[in-house]
C-alpha atoms as a PDB file:
ATOM      1  CA  MET A   1      85.785  85.942  93.519  1.00  0.00           C
ATOM      2  CA  ALA A   2      88.139  83.414  91.342  1.00  0.00           C
ATOM      3  CA  ALA A   3      87.545  79.530  92.613  1.00  0.00           C
ATOM      4  CA  ILE A   4      90.622  77.224  92.688  1.00  0.00           C
ATOM      5  CA  ASN A   5      90.681  74.071  90.799  1.00  0.00           C
ATOM      6  CA  PRO A   6      91.646  71.354  92.952  1.00  0.00           C
ATOM      7  CA  ALA A   7      92.899  69.327  90.052  1.00  0.00           C
ATOM      8  CA  GLU A   8      95.355  72.202  89.356  1.00  0.00           C
ATOM      9  CA  VAL A   9      97.040  71.860  92.775  1.00  0.00           C
ATOM     10  CA  GLU A  10      99.699  69.204  93.179  1.00  0.00           C
ATOM     11  CA  PHE A  11      99.801  67.548  96.658  1.00  0.00           C
ATOM     12  CA  SER A  12     102.751  65.313  97.947  1.00  0.00           C
ATOM     13  CA  ALA A  13     102.735  64.049 101.528  1.00  0.00           C
ATOM     14  CA  ILE A  14     105.819  64.768 103.536  1.00  0.00           C
ATOM     15  CA  ARG A  15     106.673  63.883 107.331  1.00  0.00           C
ATOM     16  CA  ALA A  16     105.325  66.665 110.090  1.00  0.00           C
ATOM     17  CA  GLN A  17     107.563  68.550 112.372  1.00  0.00           C
ATOM     18  CA  GLY A  18     107.253  69.027 115.984  1.00  0.00           C
ATOM     19  CA  PRO A  19     106.202  67.177 118.769  1.00  0.00           C
ATOM     20  CA  GLY A  20     104.115  63.671 118.335  1.00  0.00           C
ATOM     21  CA  GLY A  21     106.055  61.063 119.710  1.00  0.00           C
ATOM     22  CA  GLN A  22     106.305  57.947 117.258  1.00  0.00           C
ATOM     23  CA  ASN A  23     103.381  59.085 115.006  1.00  0.00           C
ATOM     24  CA  VAL A  24     105.867  62.198 113.500  1.00  0.00           C
ATOM     25  CA  ASN A  25     108.684  59.316 112.776  1.00  0.00           C
ATOM     26  CA  LYS A  26     106.365  56.934 111.226  1.00  0.00           C
ATOM     27  CA  VAL A  27     103.690  58.536 109.351  1.00  0.00           C
ATOM     28  CA  SER A  28     103.832  61.153 106.486  1.00  0.00           C
ATOM     29  CA  CYS A  29     100.803  63.364 107.114  1.00  0.00           C
ATOM     30  CA  ALA A  30     101.833  66.603 106.474  1.00  0.00           C
ATOM     31  CA  VAL A  31     100.912  68.068 102.804  1.00  0.00           C
ATOM     32  CA  HIS A  32     103.086  70.371 100.617  1.00  0.00           C
ATOM     33  CA  ALA A  33     100.851  71.793  97.999  1.00  0.00           C
ATOM     34  CA  ARG A  34     102.294  72.966  94.932  1.00  0.00           C
ATOM     35  CA  PHE A  35     100.163  75.617  92.449  1.00  0.00           C
ATOM     36  CA  ASP A  36     101.734  76.851  89.484  1.00  0.00           C
ATOM     37  CA  ILE A  37     100.358  80.149  89.025  1.00  0.00           C
ATOM     38  CA  ALA A  38     100.960  81.072  85.331  1.00  0.00           C
ATOM     39  CA  ALA A  39      99.505  77.610  84.352  1.00  0.00           C
ATOM     40  CA  SER A  40      96.475  77.965  86.312  1.00  0.00           C
ATOM     41  CA  SER A  41      92.858  78.754  84.918  1.00  0.00           C
ATOM     42  CA  LEU A  42      92.611  82.097  87.267  1.00  0.00           C
ATOM     43  CA  PRO A  43      91.986  85.391  85.379  1.00  0.00           C
ATOM     44  CA  ALA A  44      94.782  87.105  84.017  1.00  0.00           C
ATOM     45  CA  HIS A  45      94.580  90.057  86.528  1.00  0.00           C
ATOM     46  CA  VAL A  46      94.256  87.885  89.324  1.00  0.00           C
ATOM     47  CA  LYS A  47      97.471  85.851  88.433  1.00  0.00           C
ATOM     48  CA  GLU A  48      99.406  88.987  87.876  1.00  0.00           C
ATOM     49  CA  ARG A  49      98.186  90.393  91.393  1.00  0.00           C
ATOM     50  CA  LEU A  50      99.217  87.017  92.677  1.00  0.00           C
ATOM     51  CA  LEU A  51     102.729  86.965  90.849  1.00  0.00           C
ATOM     52  CA  ALA A  52     103.306  90.466  92.137  1.00  0.00           C
ATOM     53  CA  LEU A  53     103.036  89.239  95.672  1.00  0.00           C
ATOM     54  CA  ARG A  54     106.114  89.772  98.004  1.00  0.00           C
ATOM     55  CA  ASP A  55     105.681  86.578  99.189  1.00  0.00           C
ATOM     56  CA  ALA A  56     108.584  83.724 100.357  1.00  0.00           C
ATOM     57  CA  ARG A  57     106.223  80.887  99.463  1.00  0.00           C
ATOM     58  CA  ILE A  58     106.087  82.039  96.126  1.00  0.00           C
ATOM     59  CA  THR A  59     109.191  80.596  93.580  1.00  0.00           C
ATOM     60  CA  GLN A  60     110.693  82.251  91.142  1.00  0.00           C
ATOM     61  CA  GLU A  61     109.200  80.131  88.553  1.00  0.00           C
ATOM     62  CA  GLY A  62     105.645  81.283  89.806  1.00  0.00           C
ATOM     63  CA  VAL A  63     104.994  78.257  92.144  1.00  0.00           C
ATOM     64  CA  LEU A  64     102.989  78.815  95.490  1.00  0.00           C
ATOM     65  CA  VAL A  65     104.157  76.199  97.983  1.00  0.00           C
ATOM     66  CA  LEU A  66     101.990  75.871 101.077  1.00  0.00           C
ATOM     67  CA  LYS A  67     102.765  73.336 104.024  1.00  0.00           C
ATOM     68  CA  ALA A  68      99.894  72.159 105.969  1.00  0.00           C
ATOM     69  CA  GLN A  69     100.577  70.282 109.129  1.00  0.00           C
ATOM     70  CA  GLN A  70      97.937  71.355 111.817  1.00  0.00           C
ATOM     71  CA  SER A  71      96.263  67.947 111.580  1.00  0.00           C
ATOM     72  CA  ARG A  72      97.380  64.238 111.928  1.00  0.00           C
ATOM     73  CA  SER A  73      95.062  63.826 109.227  1.00  0.00           C
ATOM     74  CA  LEU A  74      96.482  63.820 105.671  1.00  0.00           C
ATOM     75  CA  GLU A  75      92.760  64.889 104.344  1.00  0.00           C
ATOM     76  CA  GLN A  76      92.417  67.588 106.718  1.00  0.00           C
ATOM     77  CA  ASN A  77      95.830  69.104 105.985  1.00  0.00           C
ATOM     78  CA  LYS A  78      94.687  68.950 102.182  1.00  0.00           C
ATOM     79  CA  GLU A  79      91.720  70.625 103.008  1.00  0.00           C
ATOM     80  CA  ASP A  80      93.433  73.029 105.124  1.00  0.00           C
ATOM     81  CA  ALA A  81      96.106  73.748 102.317  1.00  0.00           C
ATOM     82  CA  LEU A  82      93.104  74.149 100.010  1.00  0.00           C
ATOM     83  CA  ARG A  83      91.409  76.676 102.156  1.00  0.00           C
ATOM     84  CA  ARG A  84      94.411  78.619 102.657  1.00  0.00           C
ATOM     85  CA  LEU A  85      95.294  78.685  98.935  1.00  0.00           C
ATOM     86  CA  GLN A  86      91.806  80.076  98.082  1.00  0.00           C
ATOM     87  CA  ALA A  87      92.107  82.603 100.648  1.00  0.00           C
ATOM     88  CA  LEU A  88      95.293  83.755  99.407  1.00  0.00           C
ATOM     89  CA  VAL A  89      93.862  84.135  95.925  1.00  0.00           C
ATOM     90  CA  ASP A  90      90.368  85.897  97.319  1.00  0.00           C
ATOM     91  CA  GLN A  91      92.683  88.335  99.056  1.00  0.00           C
ATOM     92  CA  ALA A  92      94.785  88.970  95.395  1.00  0.00           C
ATOM     93  CA  SER A  93      91.470  89.458  93.512  1.00  0.00           C
ATOM     94  CA  VAL A  94      89.888  92.126  95.475  1.00  0.00           C
ATOM     95  CA  VAL A  95      91.110  95.378  93.838  1.00  0.00           C
ATOM     96  CA  GLN A  96      91.515  98.180  95.806  1.00  0.00           C
ATOM     97  CA  VAL A  97      89.922 101.400  95.148  1.00  0.00           C
ATOM     98  CA  VAL A  98      91.971 104.248  93.660  1.00  0.00           C
ATOM     99  CA  ARG A  99      92.116 107.071  96.114  1.00  0.00           C
ATOM    100  CA  ARG A 100      91.122 110.353  94.691  1.00  0.00           C
ATOM    101  CA  ALA A 101      92.975 113.397  95.987  1.00  0.00           C
ATOM    102  CA  THR A 102      90.405 116.047  97.681  1.00  0.00           C
ATOM    103  CA  ARG A 103      91.222 119.634  99.046  1.00  0.00           C
ATOM    104  CA  PRO A 104      89.449 120.767 102.239  1.00  0.00           C
ATOM    105  CA  THR A 105      86.710 123.167 102.322  1.00  0.00           C
ATOM    106  CA  ARG A 106      86.957 126.763 102.652  1.00  0.00           C
ATOM    107  CA  GLY A 107      84.846 126.495 105.884  1.00  0.00           C
ATOM    108  CA  SER A 108      87.092 123.777 107.680  1.00  0.00           C
ATOM    109  CA  GLN A 109      90.258 126.039 106.539  1.00  0.00           C
ATOM    110  CA  VAL A 110      88.566 128.786 108.310  1.00  0.00           C
ATOM    111  CA  ARG A 111      87.621 126.761 111.202  1.00  0.00           C
ATOM    112  CA  ARG A 112      91.068 125.298 111.667  1.00  0.00           C
ATOM    113  CA  LEU A 113      92.749 128.703 111.703  1.00  0.00           C
ATOM    114  CA  ASP A 114      90.283 130.384 114.262  1.00  0.00           C
ATOM    115  CA  ALA A 115      90.947 127.151 116.497  1.00  0.00           C
ATOM    116  CA  LYS A 116      94.604 127.842 116.030  1.00  0.00           C
ATOM    117  CA  SER A 117      94.404 131.471 116.489  1.00  0.00           C
ATOM    118  CA  ARG A 118      92.135 130.809 119.962  1.00  0.00           C
ATOM    119  CA  SER A 119      94.668 128.190 121.473  1.00  0.00           C
ATOM    120  CA  GLY A 120      97.199 130.460 120.545  1.00  0.00           C
ATOM    121  CA  GLN A 121      95.738 133.323 122.588  1.00  0.00           C
ATOM    122  CA  ILE A 122      94.754 131.010 125.430  1.00  0.00           C
ATOM    123  CA  LYS A 123      98.576 130.041 125.772  1.00  0.00           C
ATOM    124  CA  ALA A 124      99.703 133.544 125.530  1.00  0.00           C
ATOM    125  CA  LEU A 125      97.595 134.313 128.832  1.00  0.00           C
ATOM    126  CA  ARG A 126      99.634 131.551 130.169  1.00  0.00           C
ATOM    127  CA  GLY A 127     102.720 134.064 130.730  1.00  0.00           C
ATOM    128  CA  LYS A 128     104.149 135.698 133.661  1.00  0.00           C
ATOM    129  CA  VAL A 129     102.122 138.763 135.079  1.00  0.00           C
ATOM    130  CA  THR A 130     103.927 141.996 134.271  1.00  0.00           C
ATOM    131  CA  ASP A 131     102.331 145.325 135.789  1.00  0.00           C
END
């Protein structure tokens, strides 16, 4: 897993949205975290996978913008943004195992066909009785 260097993340304090009374109008405690993916110290394959994500938070210039406003504390919002950013990088650094196509065994094919013929015979016996 690639670790994020907090020095590479640019934080800017903004006013939070939503309820909160006068505190929302006076205090800038929400955080915009801007992370330039291309200029970061992440490994190349993680950068490629991050830039390939179809995510609205990634700009055309390759900057990931996260907004954190859960807490009323600026520091807690910064930690939340870093935690979410790290989770996104961890998700992008996991390489999926390539699925190899396999064929059904001969025994499984025979069992399947036997079950089909058995169910067909049972359904054939459900018809009207003719003398």
